[in-house]
C-alpha atoms as a PDB file:
ATOM      1  CA  MET A   1     -31.612  29.305  43.345  1.00  0.00           C
ATOM      2  CA  VAL A   2     -29.448  26.210  42.985  1.00  0.00           C
ATOM      3  CA  SER A   3     -26.697  25.480  45.451  1.00  0.00           C
ATOM      4  CA  PHE A   4     -23.811  23.115  44.917  1.00  0.00           C
ATOM      5  CA  THR A   5     -22.323  21.278  47.826  1.00  0.00           C
ATOM      6  CA  THR A   6     -19.241  19.672  46.295  1.00  0.00           C
ATOM      7  CA  THR A   7     -17.056  20.114  43.242  1.00  0.00           C
ATOM      8  CA  ASN A   8     -18.482  16.839  41.899  1.00  0.00           C
ATOM      9  CA  ASP A   9     -21.783  18.649  41.469  1.00  0.00           C
ATOM     10  CA  LEU A  10     -20.059  21.349  39.414  1.00  0.00           C
ATOM     11  CA  TYR A  11     -17.896  19.025  37.306  1.00  0.00           C
ATOM     12  CA  PRO A  12     -19.438  15.599  36.836  1.00  0.00           C
ATOM     13  CA  SER A  13     -16.836  12.973  35.999  1.00  0.00           C
ATOM     14  CA  ALA A  14     -18.958  11.095  33.465  1.00  0.00           C
ATOM     15  CA  LEU A  15     -19.668  12.963  30.226  1.00  0.00           C
ATOM     16  CA  PRO A  16     -22.864  12.251  28.322  1.00  0.00           C
ATOM     17  CA  HIS A  17     -22.228   9.899  25.416  1.00  0.00           C
ATOM     18  CA  ASN A  18     -22.741  12.616  22.798  1.00  0.00           C
ATOM     19  CA  MET A  19     -20.155  15.060  24.182  1.00  0.00           C
ATOM     20  CA  ALA A  20     -16.578  14.818  22.959  1.00  0.00           C
ATOM     21  CA  LYS A  21     -13.858  14.638  25.575  1.00  0.00           C
ATOM     22  CA  ARG A  22     -11.120  17.261  25.390  1.00  0.00           C
ATOM     23  CA  GLU A  23      -7.737  15.892  24.505  1.00  0.00           C
ATOM     24  CA  ASN A  24      -5.636  18.809  25.741  1.00  0.00           C
ATOM     25  CA  ASP A  25      -6.560  22.151  27.267  1.00  0.00           C
ATOM     26  CA  ASN A  26      -3.300  23.911  26.347  1.00  0.00           C
ATOM     27  CA  LEU A  27      -3.318  23.966  22.538  1.00  0.00           C
ATOM     28  CA  ASN A  28      -2.655  27.155  20.639  1.00  0.00           C
ATOM     29  CA  MET A  29      -4.880  27.979  17.674  1.00  0.00           C
ATOM     30  CA  LYS A  30      -2.473  26.636  15.028  1.00  0.00           C
ATOM     31  CA  GLU A  31      -2.079  23.295  16.815  1.00  0.00           C
ATOM     32  CA  ALA A  32      -5.823  23.020  17.394  1.00  0.00           C
ATOM     33  CA  LEU A  33      -6.629  23.658  13.707  1.00  0.00           C
ATOM     34  CA  SER A  34      -3.930  21.242  12.557  1.00  0.00           C
ATOM     35  CA  ALA A  35      -5.274  18.543  14.871  1.00  0.00           C
ATOM     36  CA  PHE A  36      -8.828  19.188  13.652  1.00  0.00           C
ATOM     37  CA  ILE A  37      -7.779  19.001   9.985  1.00  0.00           C
ATOM     38  CA  GLN A  38      -5.818  15.799  10.558  1.00  0.00           C
ATOM     39  CA  LYS A  39      -8.497  14.113  12.668  1.00  0.00           C
ATOM     40  CA  ASN A  40     -11.254  14.855  10.146  1.00  0.00           C
ATOM     41  CA  LYS A  41      -9.096  14.049   7.086  1.00  0.00           C
ATOM     42  CA  LEU A  42      -9.477  17.522   5.576  1.00  0.00           C
ATOM     43  CA  GLN A  43      -5.893  18.015   4.341  1.00  0.00           C
ATOM     44  CA  GLY A  44      -6.790  17.181   0.718  1.00  0.00           C
ATOM     45  CA  GLY A  45      -9.421  19.907   0.637  1.00  0.00           C
ATOM     46  CA  MET A  46      -7.081  22.380   2.290  1.00  0.00           C
ATOM     47  CA  ASP A  47      -4.419  21.587  -0.327  1.00  0.00           C
ATOM     48  CA  LYS A  48      -6.912  22.342  -3.117  1.00  0.00           C
ATOM     49  CA  VAL A  49      -7.771  25.706  -1.581  1.00  0.00           C
ATOM     50  CA  ASP A  50      -4.090  26.512  -0.998  1.00  0.00           C
ATOM     51  CA  ALA A  51      -3.186  25.620  -4.607  1.00  0.00           C
ATOM     52  CA  ARG A  52      -5.900  27.950  -5.949  1.00  0.00           C
ATOM     53  CA  ALA A  53      -4.742  30.769  -3.685  1.00  0.00           C
ATOM     54  CA  ALA A  54      -1.094  30.247  -4.690  1.00  0.00           C
ATOM     55  CA  TRP A  55      -2.008  30.410  -8.410  1.00  0.00           C
ATOM     56  CA  VAL A  56      -3.961  33.632  -7.911  1.00  0.00           C
ATOM     57  CA  SER A  57      -1.204  35.303  -5.881  1.00  0.00           C
ATOM     58  CA  LEU A  58       1.664  34.247  -8.166  1.00  0.00           C
ATOM     59  CA  MET A  59       0.096  34.831 -11.569  1.00  0.00           C
ATOM     60  CA  GLY A  60      -1.271  38.321 -10.975  1.00  0.00           C
ATOM     61  CA  ASN A  61      -4.246  40.107 -12.507  1.00  0.00           C
ATOM     62  CA  GLY A  62      -3.186  39.683 -16.134  1.00  0.00           C
ATOM     63  CA  VAL A  63      -3.339  35.878 -16.019  1.00  0.00           C
ATOM     64  CA  ASN A  64      -6.165  35.683 -13.475  1.00  0.00           C
ATOM     65  CA  ASN A  65      -8.483  37.665 -15.765  1.00  0.00           C
ATOM     66  CA  TYR A  66      -8.229  34.812 -18.275  1.00  0.00           C
ATOM     67  CA  THR A  67      -8.323  31.971 -15.712  1.00  0.00           C
ATOM     68  CA  THR A  68     -11.751  30.353 -15.597  1.00  0.00           C
ATOM     69  CA  ALA A  69     -11.124  27.330 -13.328  1.00  0.00           C
ATOM     70  CA  ILE A  70      -8.362  25.916 -11.124  1.00  0.00           C
ATOM     71  CA  GLU A  71      -8.553  22.379  -9.793  1.00  0.00           C
ATOM     72  CA  LEU A  72      -6.015  20.186  -8.001  1.00  0.00           C
ATOM     73  CA  LYS A  73      -6.453  16.431  -8.460  1.00  0.00           C
ATOM     74  CA  ASN A  74      -3.825  14.214  -6.874  1.00  0.00           C
ATOM     75  CA  ASP A  75      -0.616  16.052  -7.796  1.00  0.00           C
ATOM     76  CA  ILE A  76      -1.842  17.599 -11.059  1.00  0.00           C
ATOM     77  CA  LEU A  77      -3.061  21.206 -11.223  1.00  0.00           C
ATOM     78  CA  TYR A  78      -5.684  21.689 -13.946  1.00  0.00           C
ATOM     79  CA  VAL A  79      -6.013  25.311 -15.052  1.00  0.00           C
ATOM     80  CA  SER A  80      -8.668  26.379 -17.540  1.00  0.00           C
ATOM     81  CA  LEU A  81      -7.819  29.501 -19.521  1.00  0.00           C
ATOM     82  CA  SER A  82     -10.071  31.457 -21.873  1.00  0.00           C
ATOM     83  CA  SER A  83      -7.149  32.673 -24.004  1.00  0.00           C
ATOM     84  CA  SER A  84      -5.368  30.240 -26.310  1.00  0.00           C
ATOM     85  CA  VAL A  85      -2.471  32.673 -26.756  1.00  0.00           C
ATOM     86  CA  LEU A  86      -1.940  32.882 -22.980  1.00  0.00           C
ATOM     87  CA  ARG A  87      -2.248  29.097 -22.700  1.00  0.00           C
ATOM     88  CA  GLU A  88       0.547  28.688 -25.244  1.00  0.00           C
ATOM     89  CA  GLU A  89       2.762  31.262 -23.498  1.00  0.00           C
ATOM     90  CA  LEU A  90       2.296  29.645 -20.084  1.00  0.00           C
ATOM     91  CA  SER A  91       2.921  26.163 -21.473  1.00  0.00           C
ATOM     92  CA  LEU A  92       6.483  27.217 -22.298  1.00  0.00           C
ATOM     93  CA  GLY A  93       7.221  27.872 -18.631  1.00  0.00           C
ATOM     94  CA  THR A  94       5.328  25.148 -16.759  1.00  0.00           C
ATOM     95  CA  SER A  95       8.403  23.817 -14.936  1.00  0.00           C
ATOM     96  CA  LYS A  96       9.168  27.280 -13.535  1.00  0.00           C
ATOM     97  CA  ILE A  97       5.502  27.778 -12.564  1.00  0.00           C
ATOM     98  CA  ILE A  98       5.500  24.407 -10.757  1.00  0.00           C
ATOM     99  CA  THR A  99       8.626  25.387  -8.826  1.00  0.00           C
ATOM    100  CA  MET A 100       7.150  28.764  -7.865  1.00  0.00           C
ATOM    101  CA  LEU A 101       3.842  27.206  -6.778  1.00  0.00           C
ATOM    102  CA  ASN A 102       5.544  24.588  -4.623  1.00  0.00           C
ATOM    103  CA  GLU A 103       7.733  27.247  -2.998  1.00  0.00           C
ATOM    104  CA  GLU A 104       4.623  29.322  -2.256  1.00  0.00           C
ATOM    105  CA  LEU A 105       2.846  26.277  -0.807  1.00  0.00           C
ATOM    106  CA  GLY A 106       5.852  25.212   1.246  1.00  0.00           C
ATOM    107  CA  LYS A 107       5.692  21.615   0.036  1.00  0.00           C
ATOM    108  CA  ASN A 108       5.860  19.627  -3.216  1.00  0.00           C
ATOM    109  CA  LEU A 109       2.152  19.482  -3.880  1.00  0.00           C
ATOM    110  CA  VAL A 110       2.061  20.161  -7.644  1.00  0.00           C
ATOM    111  CA  ARG A 111       4.049  17.846  -9.908  1.00  0.00           C
ATOM    112  CA  LYS A 112       2.362  18.662 -13.218  1.00  0.00           C
ATOM    113  CA  ILE A 113       0.240  21.456 -14.692  1.00  0.00           C
ATOM    114  CA  VAL A 114      -2.373  20.844 -17.355  1.00  0.00           C
ATOM    115  CA  LEU A 115      -3.473  23.999 -19.148  1.00  0.00           C
ATOM    116  CA  ARG A 116      -6.797  23.674 -20.924  1.00  0.00           C
END
């Protein structure tokens, strides 16, 4: 059995060099995830995932059945479609689709859509 005589034995003041020091103990989950994403420069990847999810939720099953790939590069959303007729129909309303996507995302992330 180990016995501790002081609080310094329980909580050593010097952390080993490979342990990260806590910045704040009172973060809620949203703040903690935001800080983690920002510190590790993951926002670009999160934007790509969010853009894909927004396309899927806004376009519905009819369009998603013909969507083969969705990729966000810089501010351009590349969408690959297996139907040329659908590609032509969607190309007529790209400005409205961009507006709807940006509203869904909560920020102006998509400035142009390329349908291929």
